N, C-alpha and C. Protein backbone atom coordinates (compact mmCIF):
# COMPACT_ATOMS: atom_id res chain seq x y z
N UNK A 1 21.24 23.89 21.74
CA UNK A 1 20.49 24.68 20.78
C UNK A 1 19.53 23.49 20.49
N UNK A 2 18.14 24.22 20.27
CA UNK A 2 16.89 23.47 20.04
C UNK A 2 17.20 22.45 18.83
N UNK A 3 16.71 21.38 18.86
CA UNK A 3 16.40 20.24 17.51
C UNK A 3 15.63 21.06 16.73
N UNK A 4 16.13 20.92 15.34
CA UNK A 4 15.10 21.21 13.88
C UNK A 4 14.08 20.15 13.93
N UNK A 5 12.98 20.54 14.03
CA UNK A 5 11.64 19.66 13.73
C UNK A 5 11.66 19.35 12.37
N UNK A 6 11.78 18.09 11.78
CA UNK A 6 12.06 17.83 10.30
C UNK A 6 10.21 17.90 10.23
N UNK A 7 10.11 18.31 8.29
CA UNK A 7 8.49 18.20 7.61
C UNK A 7 8.36 16.66 7.57
N UNK A 8 6.78 16.74 7.71
CA UNK A 8 6.45 15.17 7.74
C UNK A 8 6.14 14.68 6.74
N UNK A 9 6.33 13.47 5.88
CA UNK A 9 6.49 13.13 4.59
C UNK A 9 5.14 12.75 4.38
N UNK A 10 4.88 12.76 3.08
CA UNK A 10 3.54 12.36 2.30
C UNK A 10 2.74 13.53 1.90
N UNK A 11 1.16 12.92 2.25
CA UNK A 11 0.05 13.86 1.97
C UNK A 11 -1.10 13.60 3.30
N UNK A 12 -1.79 14.52 3.42
CA UNK A 12 -2.77 14.54 4.23
C UNK A 12 -3.93 13.43 3.62
N UNK A 13 -4.31 13.32 2.39
CA UNK A 13 -5.26 12.37 1.61
C UNK A 13 -4.31 12.06 0.69
N UNK A 14 -5.19 10.91 0.10
CA UNK A 14 -4.50 9.60 -0.95
C UNK A 14 -4.18 10.71 -2.21
N UNK A 15 -5.20 11.65 -2.75
CA UNK A 15 -5.09 12.25 -3.87
C UNK A 15 -4.88 13.88 -3.18
N UNK A 16 -4.50 14.50 -4.24
CA UNK A 16 -4.80 15.92 -3.75
C UNK A 16 -6.31 16.45 -4.31
N UNK A 17 -7.29 15.88 -3.83
CA UNK A 17 -8.27 16.39 -3.90
C UNK A 17 -9.23 16.05 -2.74
N UNK A 18 -10.18 16.94 -2.27
CA UNK A 18 -11.16 16.85 -0.73
C UNK A 18 -11.95 15.68 -0.60
N UNK A 19 -12.20 14.96 -1.82
CA UNK A 19 -12.84 13.95 -1.74
C UNK A 19 -11.98 12.65 -1.21
N UNK A 20 -11.14 12.74 -1.86
CA UNK A 20 -10.13 11.54 -1.63
C UNK A 20 -9.62 11.20 0.06
N UNK A 21 -9.89 10.01 0.66
CA UNK A 21 -9.73 9.72 2.01
C UNK A 21 -8.71 10.20 2.71
N UNK A 22 -8.57 10.79 3.93
CA UNK A 22 -7.31 11.21 4.65
C UNK A 22 -6.44 9.95 5.57
N UNK A 23 -5.25 10.21 5.09
CA UNK A 23 -4.57 9.25 5.48
C UNK A 23 -3.13 9.47 6.26
N UNK A 24 -3.05 10.99 6.67
CA UNK A 24 -2.60 11.38 7.46
C UNK A 24 -0.77 11.72 6.91
N UNK A 25 -0.16 11.96 7.69
CA UNK A 25 1.36 12.29 7.55
C UNK A 25 2.20 11.42 7.90
N UNK A 26 3.35 11.13 7.22
CA UNK A 26 4.33 10.12 7.95
C UNK A 26 5.31 11.28 8.85
N UNK A 27 5.17 11.21 10.12
CA UNK A 27 5.71 12.20 10.79
C UNK A 27 6.84 11.83 11.56
N UNK A 28 7.11 10.13 11.69
CA UNK A 28 7.96 9.74 12.88
C UNK A 28 9.69 9.47 12.00
N UNK A 29 10.81 9.41 12.61
CA UNK A 29 12.10 9.43 12.36
C UNK A 29 12.35 7.90 12.06
N UNK A 30 12.98 7.77 11.37
CA UNK A 30 13.22 6.20 10.73
C UNK A 30 14.53 6.25 10.46
N UNK A 31 15.12 4.79 11.07
CA UNK A 31 16.36 4.39 10.80
C UNK A 31 16.65 3.96 9.22
N UNK A 32 17.60 3.57 8.79
CA UNK A 32 17.58 2.58 7.59
C UNK A 32 17.69 1.43 7.91
N UNK A 33 17.37 0.59 7.05
CA UNK A 33 16.58 -0.89 7.08
C UNK A 33 16.63 -1.28 8.32
N UNK A 34 15.24 -0.70 8.70
CA UNK A 34 14.70 -1.17 10.23
C UNK A 34 13.30 -1.77 9.39
N UNK A 35 12.15 -2.11 10.19
CA UNK A 35 11.28 -2.34 9.56
C UNK A 35 10.05 -0.96 9.68
N UNK A 36 10.53 -0.40 10.54
CA UNK A 36 9.83 1.13 10.41
C UNK A 36 10.08 1.74 9.22
N UNK A 37 11.56 1.73 8.43
CA UNK A 37 11.53 2.29 7.52
C UNK A 37 11.23 1.72 5.89
N UNK A 38 10.91 0.47 6.35
CA UNK A 38 10.03 -0.14 5.72
C UNK A 38 8.83 0.12 5.42
N UNK A 39 8.10 0.11 6.41
CA UNK A 39 6.70 1.10 6.76
C UNK A 39 6.58 2.07 5.70
N UNK A 40 7.98 3.26 5.92
CA UNK A 40 7.88 4.45 5.54
C UNK A 40 7.61 4.34 3.83
N UNK A 41 8.53 3.35 3.52
CA UNK A 41 8.84 3.29 1.89
C UNK A 41 6.96 2.86 1.56
N UNK A 42 6.69 2.14 1.92
CA UNK A 42 5.24 1.54 1.61
C UNK A 42 4.11 2.35 1.65
N UNK A 43 4.38 3.12 2.61
CA UNK A 43 3.22 4.51 3.03
C UNK A 43 3.58 5.35 1.60
N UNK A 44 4.51 5.59 1.37
CA UNK A 44 5.21 6.97 0.45
C UNK A 44 4.55 6.05 -1.02
N UNK A 45 4.87 4.86 -1.32
CA UNK A 45 4.50 4.18 -2.52
C UNK A 45 3.16 3.94 -2.35
N UNK A 46 2.30 3.79 -1.77
CA UNK A 46 0.91 3.54 -1.88
C UNK A 46 0.47 5.40 -2.05
N UNK A 47 0.62 6.38 -1.46
CA UNK A 47 0.31 7.86 -1.76
C UNK A 47 0.83 7.71 -3.21
N UNK A 48 2.07 7.62 -3.77
CA UNK A 48 2.29 7.81 -5.33
C UNK A 48 1.78 6.97 -6.15
N UNK A 49 1.54 5.83 -5.95
CA UNK A 49 0.57 4.75 -6.54
C UNK A 49 -0.89 5.56 -6.95
N UNK A 50 -1.51 6.08 -6.13
CA UNK A 50 -2.78 6.43 -6.29
C UNK A 50 -3.04 7.79 -7.10
N UNK A 51 -1.82 8.61 -6.84
CA UNK A 51 -1.58 9.82 -7.37
C UNK A 51 -1.32 9.44 -9.23
N UNK A 52 -0.09 8.32 -9.52
CA UNK A 52 0.07 8.29 -10.65
C UNK A 52 -1.51 7.36 -11.72
N UNK A 53 -2.34 6.74 -10.64
CA UNK A 53 -3.27 5.92 -11.44
C UNK A 53 -4.35 7.15 -11.87
N UNK A 54 -4.73 8.42 -10.97
CA UNK A 54 -5.41 8.94 -11.16
C UNK A 54 -5.11 10.38 -12.14
N UNK A 55 -3.89 10.76 -12.16
CA UNK A 55 -3.27 11.24 -13.02
C UNK A 55 -3.44 10.72 -14.63
N UNK A 56 -3.37 9.67 -14.79
CA UNK A 56 -3.87 8.64 -15.84
C UNK A 56 -4.82 8.86 -16.29
N UNK A 57 -5.48 8.42 -15.49
CA UNK A 57 -7.21 8.18 -15.61
C UNK A 57 -7.63 9.54 -16.02
N UNK A 58 -7.48 11.19 -15.79
CA UNK A 58 -7.39 12.41 -16.08
C UNK A 58 -7.10 12.02 -17.28
N UNK A 59 -5.66 11.83 -17.66
CA UNK A 59 -4.85 12.40 -19.19
C UNK A 59 -5.94 11.56 -20.13
N UNK A 60 -6.07 10.76 -19.41
CA UNK A 60 -7.06 9.71 -20.89
C UNK A 60 -8.35 10.43 -21.03
N UNK A 61 -8.64 10.72 -20.01
CA UNK A 61 -10.22 11.36 -20.00
C UNK A 61 -10.38 12.96 -20.78
N UNK A 62 -9.35 13.36 -20.74
CA UNK A 62 -8.84 14.93 -21.18
C UNK A 62 -8.49 14.75 -22.77
N UNK A 63 -7.85 13.61 -23.14
CA UNK A 63 -7.87 13.79 -24.55
C UNK A 63 -9.35 13.65 -25.50
N UNK A 64 -10.57 13.31 -24.92
CA UNK A 64 -11.36 12.84 -25.58
C UNK A 64 -11.76 11.66 -26.55
N UNK A 65 -10.63 10.91 -26.40
CA UNK A 65 -10.82 9.81 -27.70
C UNK A 65 -11.79 8.49 -27.28
N UNK A 66 -11.75 8.51 -25.61
CA UNK A 66 -11.93 7.20 -25.18
C UNK A 66 -13.31 7.61 -24.19
N UNK A 67 -14.43 6.56 -24.31
CA UNK A 67 -15.68 6.66 -23.28
C UNK A 67 -15.02 6.41 -22.10
N UNK A 68 -16.05 6.28 -21.42
CA UNK A 68 -15.79 5.61 -19.86
C UNK A 68 -15.57 4.31 -19.59
N UNK A 69 -16.14 3.45 -20.37
CA UNK A 69 -15.33 2.06 -20.75
C UNK A 69 -13.82 2.29 -21.43
N UNK A 70 -13.93 2.90 -22.19
CA UNK A 70 -12.20 2.76 -22.86
C UNK A 70 -11.33 3.62 -21.89
N UNK A 71 -11.21 4.34 -21.27
CA UNK A 71 -10.79 4.55 -20.14
C UNK A 71 -10.42 3.27 -19.54
N UNK A 72 -11.37 3.28 -18.56
CA UNK A 72 -10.96 2.09 -17.92
C UNK A 72 -10.31 1.03 -18.73
N UNK A 73 -10.74 0.33 -19.65
CA UNK A 73 -9.62 -0.78 -20.67
C UNK A 73 -8.15 -0.13 -20.65
N UNK A 74 -7.94 0.86 -21.14
CA UNK A 74 -6.66 1.91 -21.28
C UNK A 74 -6.20 1.98 -19.90
N UNK A 75 -6.63 2.02 -18.87
CA UNK A 75 -6.37 2.31 -17.43
C UNK A 75 -5.45 1.03 -17.10
N UNK A 76 -6.09 0.12 -17.08
CA UNK A 76 -5.48 -1.04 -16.66
C UNK A 76 -4.34 -1.65 -16.72
N UNK A 77 -3.08 -1.42 -17.91
CA UNK A 77 -1.99 -1.53 -17.91
C UNK A 77 -0.94 -0.61 -17.12
N UNK A 78 -1.55 0.56 -17.23
CA UNK A 78 -1.55 1.91 -16.32
C UNK A 78 -1.24 1.21 -14.71
N UNK A 79 -2.49 0.82 -14.46
CA UNK A 79 -2.44 0.69 -12.94
C UNK A 79 -2.08 -0.83 -12.32
N UNK A 80 -1.67 -1.57 -13.65
CA UNK A 80 -0.96 -2.90 -13.28
C UNK A 80 0.70 -2.36 -13.41
N UNK A 81 0.83 -1.60 -13.88
CA UNK A 81 2.46 -0.98 -13.64
C UNK A 81 2.59 0.13 -12.61
N UNK A 82 1.64 0.43 -12.23
CA UNK A 82 1.94 1.17 -11.29
C UNK A 82 1.34 0.76 -9.50
N UNK A 83 1.03 -0.59 -9.47
CA UNK A 83 1.40 -1.51 -8.55
C UNK A 83 2.67 -2.16 -8.15
N UNK A 84 3.42 -2.14 -9.55
CA UNK A 84 4.46 -3.14 -8.88
C UNK A 84 5.52 -2.52 -7.68
N UNK A 85 5.42 -1.01 -7.19
CA UNK A 85 5.73 -0.44 -5.85
C UNK A 85 5.02 -1.08 -5.14
N UNK A 86 3.78 -1.34 -4.87
CA UNK A 86 3.01 -1.73 -3.76
C UNK A 86 3.32 -3.30 -3.68
N UNK A 87 3.91 -3.85 -4.49
CA UNK A 87 3.80 -5.24 -4.78
C UNK A 87 5.41 -5.31 -3.58
N UNK A 88 5.99 -4.70 -4.26
CA UNK A 88 7.40 -4.60 -3.49
C UNK A 88 7.70 -4.04 -2.33
N UNK A 89 7.11 -3.56 -1.84
CA UNK A 89 6.70 -2.61 -0.46
C UNK A 89 6.10 -4.30 0.25
N UNK A 90 4.98 -4.49 0.00
CA UNK A 90 4.36 -5.64 0.72
C UNK A 90 5.53 -6.89 0.91
N UNK A 91 6.07 -7.10 0.14
CA UNK A 91 7.63 -8.29 0.41
C UNK A 91 8.36 -7.52 0.94
N UNK A 92 8.42 -6.49 1.43
CA UNK A 92 9.57 -6.09 1.79
C UNK A 92 9.28 -5.91 3.79
N UNK A 93 8.32 -5.09 3.59
CA UNK A 93 7.45 -5.11 5.64
C UNK A 93 7.02 -6.36 5.69
N UNK A 94 6.81 -7.34 4.91
CA UNK A 94 6.49 -8.63 5.97
C UNK A 94 4.90 -9.01 5.43
N UNK A 95 4.90 -10.40 4.77
CA UNK A 95 3.27 -10.85 4.25
C UNK A 95 2.60 -10.27 5.83
N UNK A 96 2.76 -10.57 7.12
CA UNK A 96 2.44 -11.07 8.07
C UNK A 96 1.87 -9.33 8.64
N UNK A 97 2.57 -8.54 8.47
CA UNK A 97 2.21 -7.26 8.76
C UNK A 97 1.17 -6.41 8.19
N UNK A 98 0.76 -7.08 6.69
CA UNK A 98 0.23 -6.07 6.10
C UNK A 98 -1.33 -7.19 5.81
N UNK A 99 -1.23 -8.29 6.12
CA UNK A 99 -1.97 -8.98 6.24
C UNK A 99 -2.03 -10.15 7.35
N UNK A 100 -2.36 -9.50 8.64
CA UNK A 100 -2.27 -10.13 9.94
C UNK A 100 -3.12 -11.49 9.79
N UNK A 101 -2.50 -12.49 10.16
CA UNK A 101 -3.43 -13.94 10.23
C UNK A 101 -3.26 -14.04 12.42
N UNK A 102 -4.49 -14.84 12.42
CA UNK A 102 -4.30 -15.04 14.25
C UNK A 102 -3.96 -16.45 14.16
N UNK A 103 -2.92 -16.12 15.38
CA UNK A 103 -2.14 -17.42 15.69
C UNK A 103 -2.96 -18.81 15.87
N UNK A 104 -2.52 -19.75 15.55
CA UNK A 104 -3.18 -20.80 15.82
C UNK A 104 -2.13 -21.71 17.17
N UNK A 105 -2.79 -22.20 17.65
CA UNK A 105 -2.61 -22.73 18.57
C UNK A 105 -2.61 -24.54 18.94
N UNK A 106 -1.61 -25.02 18.70
CA UNK A 106 -1.28 -26.59 19.00
C UNK A 106 -1.29 -27.31 20.22
N UNK A 107 -2.11 -27.83 21.00
CA UNK A 107 -1.78 -28.37 22.32
C UNK A 107 -2.00 -29.93 21.59
N UNK A 108 -0.47 -30.18 22.38
CA UNK A 108 -0.11 -31.89 22.28
C UNK A 108 -1.43 -32.99 23.05
N UNK A 109 -1.32 -33.28 22.31
CA UNK A 109 -2.43 -35.02 22.39
C UNK A 109 -2.23 -35.47 21.54
N UNK A 110 -2.66 -36.93 22.31
CA UNK A 110 -2.79 -38.23 21.90
C UNK A 110 -3.23 -38.62 21.06
N UNK A 111 -3.44 -38.91 19.65
CA UNK A 111 -4.09 -39.55 18.85
C UNK A 111 -4.22 -41.13 18.86
N UNK A 112 -5.44 -41.52 19.04
CA UNK A 112 -4.82 -42.87 18.97
C UNK A 112 -5.24 -43.46 17.65
N UNK A 113 -4.44 -44.32 16.82
CA UNK A 113 -4.43 -44.69 15.82
C UNK A 113 -5.85 -45.97 15.73
N UNK A 114 -6.18 -46.56 16.46
CA UNK A 114 -6.83 -47.76 16.30
C UNK A 114 -8.41 -47.36 16.38
N UNK A 115 -8.82 -46.37 15.86
CA UNK A 115 -9.95 -45.95 15.72
C UNK A 115 -10.84 -46.54 14.31
N UNK A 116 -10.51 -47.47 14.06
CA UNK A 116 -10.94 -48.71 13.09
C UNK A 116 -11.88 -49.46 13.41
N UNK A 117 -13.05 -49.42 12.45
CA UNK A 117 -14.54 -50.11 12.98
C UNK A 117 -14.11 -51.54 13.09
């Protein structure tokens, strides 16, 4: 019997509009408790975060109570709250994967301690 294909997870774009960046769908099978599953959770959290902040901004603009500056001020606590899943995802994937650093090489060398004048 043919293997059933799974639907990819996520969205093609960050938000549900045509102006947002394309990020692609998550189409890999993941086993639980692996680094790849941590990446999958991070990907889904990032997409959800962008949607939540965008929805909150549209909600605040729709009320008509706030100017653009007022919307930005009211959006800060909501944005910080929405960032919590991203921070958790960063810690679960590992700092080295999200912010890669160049390896440093240390060669053994002899340093003379008698360099005083």
